[in-house]
Amino acid sequence: MFTAGLGVGLDSFFMLSSMVIAVPTGIKIFNWVATMWRGNLIFDTPLLWAVGFVALFTMGGLSGIFLAAFPIDWQVNDTYYVVAHFHYVLFGGSMFGIFAGLYYWWPKMFRAPARRAPRRSKWHFWLTFVGFNLTFLPQHMLGLLGMPRRI
């Protein structure tokens, strides 16, 4: 967006409007964390997926604040930084939430045993969470070093 050749006035407008998105998103994240604060939490599989969602969505949001500033966006445009941000927000913000909902509601909807395979389901979470971060976290650094996302 910022490298499309628009004037500084329009770049400033889009930068400020992108940063305005961070305010309600920060409030949502604060609400999610405050809901869990000092609670009597049982870390069954649905809660692991929900906490993983909050962590990955927060990471994507923090990288998005940097992308909203057009001087930084000029530097990292079309690099792996943008790819990492995109995946943290969209995959971390959607698939982790979907898996949290499935692991919580599936037994209730279909009258399946609630704790059918707790060990396997936790392995599913940890392998996905660690694999996701091992794949996309280094891409932030690669993008800051200038690695293009297309060759």
N, C-alpha and C. Protein backbone atom coordinates (compact mmCIF):
# COMPACT_ATOMS: atom_id res chain seq x y z
N MET A 1 0.82 -1.19 0.00
CA MET A 1 0.00 0.00 0.00
C MET A 1 0.87 1.25 0.00
N PHE A 2 1.83 1.27 0.91
CA PHE A 2 2.62 2.49 1.06
C PHE A 2 3.65 2.65 -0.05
N THR A 3 3.97 1.59 -0.77
CA THR A 3 4.96 1.68 -1.84
C THR A 3 4.30 1.84 -3.20
N ALA A 4 3.02 2.17 -3.23
CA ALA A 4 2.29 2.30 -4.49
C ALA A 4 2.51 3.65 -5.15
N GLY A 5 3.25 4.54 -4.52
CA GLY A 5 3.52 5.84 -5.12
C GLY A 5 2.55 6.93 -4.72
N LEU A 6 1.81 6.72 -3.67
CA LEU A 6 0.90 7.76 -3.17
C LEU A 6 1.71 8.87 -2.52
N GLY A 7 1.09 10.01 -2.35
CA GLY A 7 1.78 11.12 -1.69
C GLY A 7 1.93 10.88 -0.20
N VAL A 8 2.74 11.73 0.42
CA VAL A 8 3.00 11.60 1.85
C VAL A 8 1.71 11.82 2.66
N GLY A 9 0.84 12.70 2.17
CA GLY A 9 -0.42 12.94 2.87
C GLY A 9 -1.30 11.69 2.94
N LEU A 10 -1.43 11.01 1.80
CA LEU A 10 -2.22 9.78 1.79
C LEU A 10 -1.54 8.67 2.57
N ASP A 11 -0.21 8.59 2.46
CA ASP A 11 0.52 7.60 3.26
C ASP A 11 0.29 7.83 4.75
N SER A 12 0.30 9.09 5.17
CA SER A 12 0.06 9.41 6.58
C SER A 12 -1.36 9.03 7.00
N PHE A 13 -2.33 9.30 6.12
CA PHE A 13 -3.71 8.94 6.42
C PHE A 13 -3.86 7.44 6.61
N PHE A 14 -3.31 6.66 5.67
CA PHE A 14 -3.44 5.21 5.77
C PHE A 14 -2.64 4.67 6.95
N MET A 15 -1.53 5.31 7.28
CA MET A 15 -0.76 4.87 8.44
C MET A 15 -1.57 5.08 9.72
N LEU A 16 -2.18 6.26 9.86
CA LEU A 16 -2.97 6.52 11.07
C LEU A 16 -4.21 5.64 11.14
N SER A 17 -4.87 5.42 10.01
CA SER A 17 -6.06 4.56 10.03
C SER A 17 -5.68 3.10 10.33
N SER A 18 -4.49 2.68 9.90
CA SER A 18 -4.04 1.32 10.25
C SER A 18 -3.71 1.22 11.74
N MET A 19 -3.14 2.28 12.30
CA MET A 19 -2.81 2.25 13.73
C MET A 19 -4.05 2.34 14.60
N VAL A 20 -5.12 2.95 14.09
CA VAL A 20 -6.36 3.03 14.85
C VAL A 20 -6.94 1.64 15.07
N ILE A 21 -6.69 0.71 14.15
CA ILE A 21 -7.16 -0.67 14.30
C ILE A 21 -6.53 -1.31 15.53
N ALA A 22 -5.32 -0.88 15.89
CA ALA A 22 -4.61 -1.48 17.01
C ALA A 22 -5.30 -1.22 18.35
N VAL A 23 -6.03 -0.12 18.46
CA VAL A 23 -6.65 0.22 19.75
C VAL A 23 -7.74 -0.78 20.14
N PRO A 24 -8.78 -1.02 19.30
CA PRO A 24 -9.77 -2.02 19.72
C PRO A 24 -9.21 -3.43 19.80
N THR A 25 -8.21 -3.73 18.95
CA THR A 25 -7.60 -5.05 19.02
C THR A 25 -6.86 -5.24 20.33
N GLY A 26 -6.15 -4.21 20.77
CA GLY A 26 -5.48 -4.26 22.07
C GLY A 26 -6.46 -4.42 23.21
N ILE A 27 -7.61 -3.77 23.10
CA ILE A 27 -8.64 -3.90 24.14
C ILE A 27 -9.18 -5.34 24.17
N LYS A 28 -9.38 -5.93 22.98
CA LYS A 28 -9.84 -7.33 22.94
C LYS A 28 -8.83 -8.26 23.60
N ILE A 29 -7.56 -8.08 23.27
CA ILE A 29 -6.53 -8.94 23.85
C ILE A 29 -6.46 -8.75 25.36
N PHE A 30 -6.55 -7.50 25.81
CA PHE A 30 -6.56 -7.23 27.25
C PHE A 30 -7.75 -7.93 27.92
N ASN A 31 -8.93 -7.90 27.27
CA ASN A 31 -10.11 -8.57 27.83
C ASN A 31 -9.91 -10.07 27.93
N TRP A 32 -9.32 -10.67 26.89
CA TRP A 32 -9.09 -12.11 26.91
C TRP A 32 -8.13 -12.51 28.02
N VAL A 33 -7.07 -11.74 28.17
CA VAL A 33 -6.08 -12.05 29.22
C VAL A 33 -6.68 -11.78 30.60
N ALA A 34 -7.41 -10.69 30.74
CA ALA A 34 -8.01 -10.35 32.03
C ALA A 34 -9.07 -11.38 32.43
N THR A 35 -9.73 -11.99 31.46
CA THR A 35 -10.71 -13.04 31.77
C THR A 35 -10.03 -14.23 32.42
N MET A 36 -8.83 -14.54 31.96
CA MET A 36 -8.11 -15.69 32.51
C MET A 36 -7.31 -15.36 33.78
N TRP A 37 -7.10 -14.07 34.03
CA TRP A 37 -6.24 -13.65 35.13
C TRP A 37 -6.79 -14.13 36.47
N ARG A 38 -5.96 -14.78 37.23
CA ARG A 38 -6.28 -15.28 38.56
C ARG A 38 -7.48 -16.22 38.58
N GLY A 39 -7.76 -16.82 37.43
CA GLY A 39 -8.85 -17.78 37.36
C GLY A 39 -8.36 -19.16 37.75
N ASN A 40 -9.29 -20.02 38.03
CA ASN A 40 -8.98 -21.40 38.34
C ASN A 40 -9.03 -22.18 37.03
N LEU A 41 -7.93 -22.10 36.27
CA LEU A 41 -7.92 -22.65 34.92
C LEU A 41 -7.51 -24.12 34.94
N ILE A 42 -8.19 -24.89 34.13
CA ILE A 42 -7.84 -26.29 33.91
C ILE A 42 -7.36 -26.37 32.46
N PHE A 43 -6.09 -26.66 32.29
CA PHE A 43 -5.49 -26.62 30.96
C PHE A 43 -5.78 -27.90 30.17
N ASP A 44 -7.07 -28.10 29.91
CA ASP A 44 -7.45 -29.15 28.98
C ASP A 44 -7.18 -28.64 27.56
N THR A 45 -7.38 -29.48 26.61
CA THR A 45 -7.02 -29.15 25.23
C THR A 45 -7.72 -27.91 24.69
N PRO A 46 -9.02 -27.69 24.92
CA PRO A 46 -9.64 -26.47 24.38
C PRO A 46 -8.99 -25.19 24.91
N LEU A 47 -8.63 -25.18 26.19
CA LEU A 47 -8.00 -23.98 26.74
C LEU A 47 -6.59 -23.79 26.19
N LEU A 48 -5.87 -24.87 25.96
CA LEU A 48 -4.55 -24.74 25.33
C LEU A 48 -4.67 -24.08 23.96
N TRP A 49 -5.63 -24.51 23.17
CA TRP A 49 -5.83 -23.92 21.85
C TRP A 49 -6.25 -22.46 21.98
N ALA A 50 -7.09 -22.12 22.96
CA ALA A 50 -7.53 -20.73 23.14
C ALA A 50 -6.37 -19.84 23.56
N VAL A 51 -5.54 -20.31 24.48
CA VAL A 51 -4.38 -19.53 24.91
C VAL A 51 -3.37 -19.40 23.76
N GLY A 52 -3.21 -20.47 22.99
CA GLY A 52 -2.35 -20.40 21.82
C GLY A 52 -2.85 -19.39 20.82
N PHE A 53 -4.17 -19.33 20.64
CA PHE A 53 -4.77 -18.32 19.77
C PHE A 53 -4.42 -16.92 20.23
N VAL A 54 -4.59 -16.65 21.52
CA VAL A 54 -4.30 -15.30 22.04
C VAL A 54 -2.83 -14.96 21.84
N ALA A 55 -1.94 -15.92 22.10
CA ALA A 55 -0.50 -15.66 21.96
C ALA A 55 -0.13 -15.37 20.51
N LEU A 56 -0.61 -16.19 19.58
CA LEU A 56 -0.24 -15.99 18.18
C LEU A 56 -0.89 -14.76 17.58
N PHE A 57 -2.14 -14.49 17.96
CA PHE A 57 -2.82 -13.30 17.47
C PHE A 57 -2.14 -12.03 17.99
N THR A 58 -1.67 -12.08 19.24
CA THR A 58 -0.94 -10.94 19.80
C THR A 58 0.37 -10.73 19.06
N MET A 59 1.07 -11.80 18.77
CA MET A 59 2.32 -11.68 18.02
C MET A 59 2.08 -11.08 16.64
N GLY A 60 1.04 -11.54 15.97
CA GLY A 60 0.70 -10.97 14.67
C GLY A 60 0.29 -9.51 14.77
N GLY A 61 -0.41 -9.17 15.84
CA GLY A 61 -0.80 -7.78 16.04
C GLY A 61 0.38 -6.87 16.30
N LEU A 62 1.34 -7.35 17.07
CA LEU A 62 2.53 -6.54 17.33
C LEU A 62 3.33 -6.31 16.06
N SER A 63 3.43 -7.33 15.21
CA SER A 63 4.14 -7.12 13.95
C SER A 63 3.33 -6.22 13.02
N GLY A 64 2.02 -6.22 13.15
CA GLY A 64 1.18 -5.34 12.34
C GLY A 64 1.33 -3.88 12.70
N ILE A 65 1.61 -3.58 13.95
CA ILE A 65 1.84 -2.18 14.34
C ILE A 65 3.05 -1.64 13.60
N PHE A 66 4.09 -2.45 13.45
CA PHE A 66 5.26 -2.00 12.71
C PHE A 66 4.94 -1.82 11.23
N LEU A 67 4.12 -2.70 10.67
CA LEU A 67 3.75 -2.57 9.26
C LEU A 67 2.86 -1.36 9.01
N ALA A 68 2.20 -0.86 10.05
CA ALA A 68 1.34 0.30 9.88
C ALA A 68 2.14 1.59 9.70
N ALA A 69 3.37 1.62 10.18
CA ALA A 69 4.22 2.81 10.03
C ALA A 69 4.87 2.76 8.65
N PHE A 70 4.56 3.75 7.80
CA PHE A 70 4.99 3.62 6.41
C PHE A 70 6.50 3.66 6.20
N PRO A 71 7.32 4.28 7.04
CA PRO A 71 8.77 4.14 6.81
C PRO A 71 9.25 2.70 6.99
N ILE A 72 8.69 1.99 7.96
CA ILE A 72 9.08 0.59 8.14
C ILE A 72 8.48 -0.27 7.03
N ASP A 73 7.25 0.05 6.62
CA ASP A 73 6.62 -0.72 5.56
C ASP A 73 7.39 -0.58 4.26
N TRP A 74 7.96 0.59 3.99
CA TRP A 74 8.81 0.74 2.79
C TRP A 74 9.98 -0.24 2.84
N GLN A 75 10.54 -0.43 4.01
CA GLN A 75 11.71 -1.30 4.14
C GLN A 75 11.34 -2.78 3.99
N VAL A 76 10.24 -3.20 4.58
CA VAL A 76 9.91 -4.63 4.61
C VAL A 76 8.85 -5.02 3.59
N ASN A 77 8.47 -4.08 2.70
CA ASN A 77 7.47 -4.42 1.68
C ASN A 77 7.97 -5.55 0.80
N ASP A 78 7.10 -6.51 0.54
CA ASP A 78 7.39 -7.66 -0.31
C ASP A 78 8.51 -8.54 0.24
N THR A 79 8.61 -8.63 1.56
CA THR A 79 9.61 -9.50 2.18
C THR A 79 8.88 -10.56 3.01
N TYR A 80 9.66 -11.43 3.59
CA TYR A 80 9.09 -12.49 4.42
C TYR A 80 8.50 -11.97 5.72
N TYR A 81 8.81 -10.73 6.10
CA TYR A 81 8.19 -10.13 7.29
C TYR A 81 6.67 -10.05 7.09
N VAL A 82 6.26 -9.64 5.91
CA VAL A 82 4.84 -9.54 5.61
C VAL A 82 4.19 -10.92 5.60
N VAL A 83 4.90 -11.92 5.07
CA VAL A 83 4.39 -13.29 5.06
C VAL A 83 4.19 -13.80 6.49
N ALA A 84 5.18 -13.55 7.35
CA ALA A 84 5.07 -14.00 8.74
C ALA A 84 3.91 -13.30 9.45
N HIS A 85 3.78 -11.99 9.25
CA HIS A 85 2.67 -11.25 9.87
C HIS A 85 1.33 -11.81 9.40
N PHE A 86 1.21 -12.03 8.12
CA PHE A 86 -0.02 -12.56 7.53
C PHE A 86 -0.40 -13.90 8.15
N HIS A 87 0.57 -14.79 8.29
CA HIS A 87 0.28 -16.11 8.84
C HIS A 87 -0.01 -16.07 10.33
N TYR A 88 0.68 -15.22 11.07
CA TYR A 88 0.39 -15.12 12.51
C TYR A 88 -1.02 -14.62 12.74
N VAL A 89 -1.46 -13.64 11.97
CA VAL A 89 -2.80 -13.09 12.18
C VAL A 89 -3.87 -14.03 11.65
N LEU A 90 -3.69 -14.52 10.41
CA LEU A 90 -4.76 -15.31 9.81
C LEU A 90 -4.78 -16.76 10.28
N PHE A 91 -3.65 -17.45 10.23
CA PHE A 91 -3.66 -18.84 10.68
C PHE A 91 -3.75 -18.91 12.20
N GLY A 92 -2.92 -18.13 12.89
CA GLY A 92 -2.97 -18.13 14.36
C GLY A 92 -4.29 -17.62 14.88
N GLY A 93 -4.89 -16.68 14.15
CA GLY A 93 -6.15 -16.09 14.59
C GLY A 93 -7.38 -16.86 14.16
N SER A 94 -7.23 -17.79 13.23
CA SER A 94 -8.41 -18.53 12.80
C SER A 94 -8.32 -20.01 13.18
N MET A 95 -7.27 -20.68 12.76
CA MET A 95 -7.21 -22.12 12.98
C MET A 95 -7.10 -22.49 14.46
N PHE A 96 -6.36 -21.71 15.21
CA PHE A 96 -6.26 -22.03 16.64
C PHE A 96 -7.60 -21.81 17.33
N GLY A 97 -8.33 -20.78 16.93
CA GLY A 97 -9.67 -20.57 17.47
C GLY A 97 -10.65 -21.65 17.04
N ILE A 98 -10.53 -22.08 15.78
CA ILE A 98 -11.40 -23.15 15.29
C ILE A 98 -11.13 -24.46 16.03
N PHE A 99 -9.85 -24.79 16.22
CA PHE A 99 -9.53 -26.02 16.95
C PHE A 99 -9.99 -25.93 18.41
N ALA A 100 -9.88 -24.75 19.02
CA ALA A 100 -10.37 -24.59 20.39
C ALA A 100 -11.87 -24.88 20.44
N GLY A 101 -12.61 -24.33 19.50
CA GLY A 101 -14.04 -24.56 19.45
C GLY A 101 -14.40 -26.01 19.17
N LEU A 102 -13.66 -26.63 18.24
CA LEU A 102 -13.94 -28.03 17.92
C LEU A 102 -13.67 -28.94 19.11
N TYR A 103 -12.53 -28.74 19.76
CA TYR A 103 -12.21 -29.60 20.90
C TYR A 103 -13.17 -29.37 22.06
N TYR A 104 -13.76 -28.19 22.17
CA TYR A 104 -14.70 -27.94 23.26
C TYR A 104 -16.11 -28.43 22.91
N TRP A 105 -16.58 -28.10 21.68
CA TRP A 105 -17.97 -28.35 21.35
C TRP A 105 -18.24 -29.70 20.71
N TRP A 106 -17.27 -30.33 20.08
CA TRP A 106 -17.51 -31.60 19.40
C TRP A 106 -18.12 -32.66 20.33
N PRO A 107 -17.55 -32.89 21.51
CA PRO A 107 -18.17 -33.90 22.40
C PRO A 107 -19.58 -33.51 22.84
N LYS A 108 -19.83 -32.22 22.98
CA LYS A 108 -21.16 -31.79 23.41
C LYS A 108 -22.20 -31.93 22.29
N MET A 109 -21.78 -31.67 21.05
CA MET A 109 -22.72 -31.75 19.93
C MET A 109 -23.05 -33.18 19.56
N PHE A 110 -22.06 -34.07 19.61
CA PHE A 110 -22.26 -35.42 19.11
C PHE A 110 -22.24 -36.48 20.21
N ARG A 111 -22.32 -36.03 21.45
CA ARG A 111 -22.37 -36.93 22.61
C ARG A 111 -21.21 -37.92 22.63
N ALA A 112 -20.08 -37.46 22.21
CA ALA A 112 -18.88 -38.29 22.25
C ALA A 112 -18.29 -38.20 23.66
N PRO A 113 -17.50 -39.17 24.05
CA PRO A 113 -16.84 -39.04 25.35
C PRO A 113 -15.99 -37.78 25.40
N ALA A 114 -16.13 -37.03 26.47
CA ALA A 114 -15.48 -35.72 26.54
C ALA A 114 -13.96 -35.83 26.50
N ARG A 115 -13.41 -36.85 27.10
CA ARG A 115 -11.96 -36.98 27.15
C ARG A 115 -11.53 -38.26 26.44
N ARG A 116 -11.84 -38.32 25.15
CA ARG A 116 -11.57 -39.53 24.38
C ARG A 116 -10.07 -39.81 24.28
N ALA A 117 -9.29 -38.83 23.88
CA ALA A 117 -7.85 -39.04 23.69
C ALA A 117 -7.10 -37.78 24.14
N PRO A 118 -7.04 -37.55 25.46
CA PRO A 118 -6.43 -36.29 25.91
C PRO A 118 -4.95 -36.19 25.57
N ARG A 119 -4.23 -37.28 25.61
CA ARG A 119 -2.80 -37.22 25.31
C ARG A 119 -2.57 -36.89 23.84
N ARG A 120 -3.32 -37.54 22.96
CA ARG A 120 -3.17 -37.27 21.53
C ARG A 120 -3.58 -35.84 21.18
N SER A 121 -4.62 -35.35 21.82
CA SER A 121 -5.08 -33.99 21.51
C SER A 121 -4.08 -32.95 22.00
N LYS A 122 -3.42 -33.21 23.12
CA LYS A 122 -2.40 -32.27 23.57
C LYS A 122 -1.16 -32.34 22.69
N TRP A 123 -0.82 -33.53 22.21
CA TRP A 123 0.27 -33.65 21.24
C TRP A 123 -0.07 -32.86 19.98
N HIS A 124 -1.32 -32.93 19.55
CA HIS A 124 -1.77 -32.17 18.39
C HIS A 124 -1.53 -30.68 18.61
N PHE A 125 -1.91 -30.18 19.77
CA PHE A 125 -1.69 -28.76 20.06
C PHE A 125 -0.21 -28.41 20.06
N TRP A 126 0.58 -29.14 20.83
CA TRP A 126 1.99 -28.76 20.99
C TRP A 126 2.77 -28.89 19.68
N LEU A 127 2.50 -29.92 18.90
CA LEU A 127 3.19 -30.04 17.62
C LEU A 127 2.80 -28.91 16.67
N THR A 128 1.53 -28.53 16.67
CA THR A 128 1.10 -27.43 15.82
C THR A 128 1.67 -26.11 16.30
N PHE A 129 1.62 -25.85 17.59
CA PHE A 129 2.11 -24.58 18.14
C PHE A 129 3.61 -24.42 17.93
N VAL A 130 4.38 -25.45 18.29
CA VAL A 130 5.83 -25.36 18.14
C VAL A 130 6.21 -25.34 16.66
N GLY A 131 5.58 -26.18 15.85
CA GLY A 131 5.87 -26.19 14.42
C GLY A 131 5.54 -24.87 13.74
N PHE A 132 4.42 -24.28 14.13
CA PHE A 132 4.03 -22.98 13.57
C PHE A 132 5.08 -21.92 13.90
N ASN A 133 5.49 -21.86 15.16
CA ASN A 133 6.47 -20.84 15.56
C ASN A 133 7.85 -21.10 14.96
N LEU A 134 8.24 -22.37 14.83
CA LEU A 134 9.52 -22.68 14.19
C LEU A 134 9.50 -22.34 12.70
N THR A 135 8.34 -22.36 12.10
CA THR A 135 8.23 -22.03 10.69
C THR A 135 8.19 -20.53 10.45
N PHE A 136 7.36 -19.81 11.20
CA PHE A 136 7.07 -18.42 10.86
C PHE A 136 7.82 -17.39 11.69
N LEU A 137 8.27 -17.72 12.89
CA LEU A 137 9.02 -16.73 13.68
C LEU A 137 10.33 -16.33 12.99
N PRO A 138 11.11 -17.26 12.43
CA PRO A 138 12.33 -16.84 11.73
C PRO A 138 12.05 -15.97 10.50
N GLN A 139 10.85 -16.08 9.96
CA GLN A 139 10.54 -15.26 8.79
C GLN A 139 10.49 -13.78 9.12
N HIS A 140 10.17 -13.43 10.35
CA HIS A 140 10.24 -12.02 10.74
C HIS A 140 11.68 -11.51 10.58
N MET A 141 12.63 -12.28 11.09
CA MET A 141 14.02 -11.86 10.99
C MET A 141 14.50 -11.86 9.54
N LEU A 142 14.10 -12.87 8.77
CA LEU A 142 14.49 -12.92 7.37
C LEU A 142 13.95 -11.71 6.60
N GLY A 143 12.73 -11.32 6.91
CA GLY A 143 12.15 -10.14 6.25
C GLY A 143 12.86 -8.87 6.63
N LEU A 144 13.26 -8.74 7.90
CA LEU A 144 14.01 -7.55 8.32
C LEU A 144 15.38 -7.51 7.66
N LEU A 145 15.91 -8.69 7.32
CA LEU A 145 17.20 -8.74 6.61
C LEU A 145 17.03 -8.53 5.10
N GLY A 146 15.78 -8.43 4.64
CA GLY A 146 15.54 -8.10 3.23
C GLY A 146 15.25 -9.25 2.31
N MET A 147 14.97 -10.45 2.83
CA MET A 147 14.70 -11.59 1.95
C MET A 147 13.37 -11.38 1.26
N PRO A 148 13.36 -11.35 -0.09
CA PRO A 148 12.09 -11.12 -0.81
C PRO A 148 11.18 -12.34 -0.73
N ARG A 149 9.88 -12.10 -0.77
CA ARG A 149 8.96 -13.22 -0.70
C ARG A 149 8.74 -13.85 -2.06
N ARG A 150 9.10 -13.19 -3.13
CA ARG A 150 9.03 -13.76 -4.48
C ARG A 150 10.40 -13.61 -5.13
N ILE A 151 10.74 -14.60 -5.93
CA ILE A 151 12.02 -14.51 -6.65
C ILE A 151 11.73 -14.31 -8.12
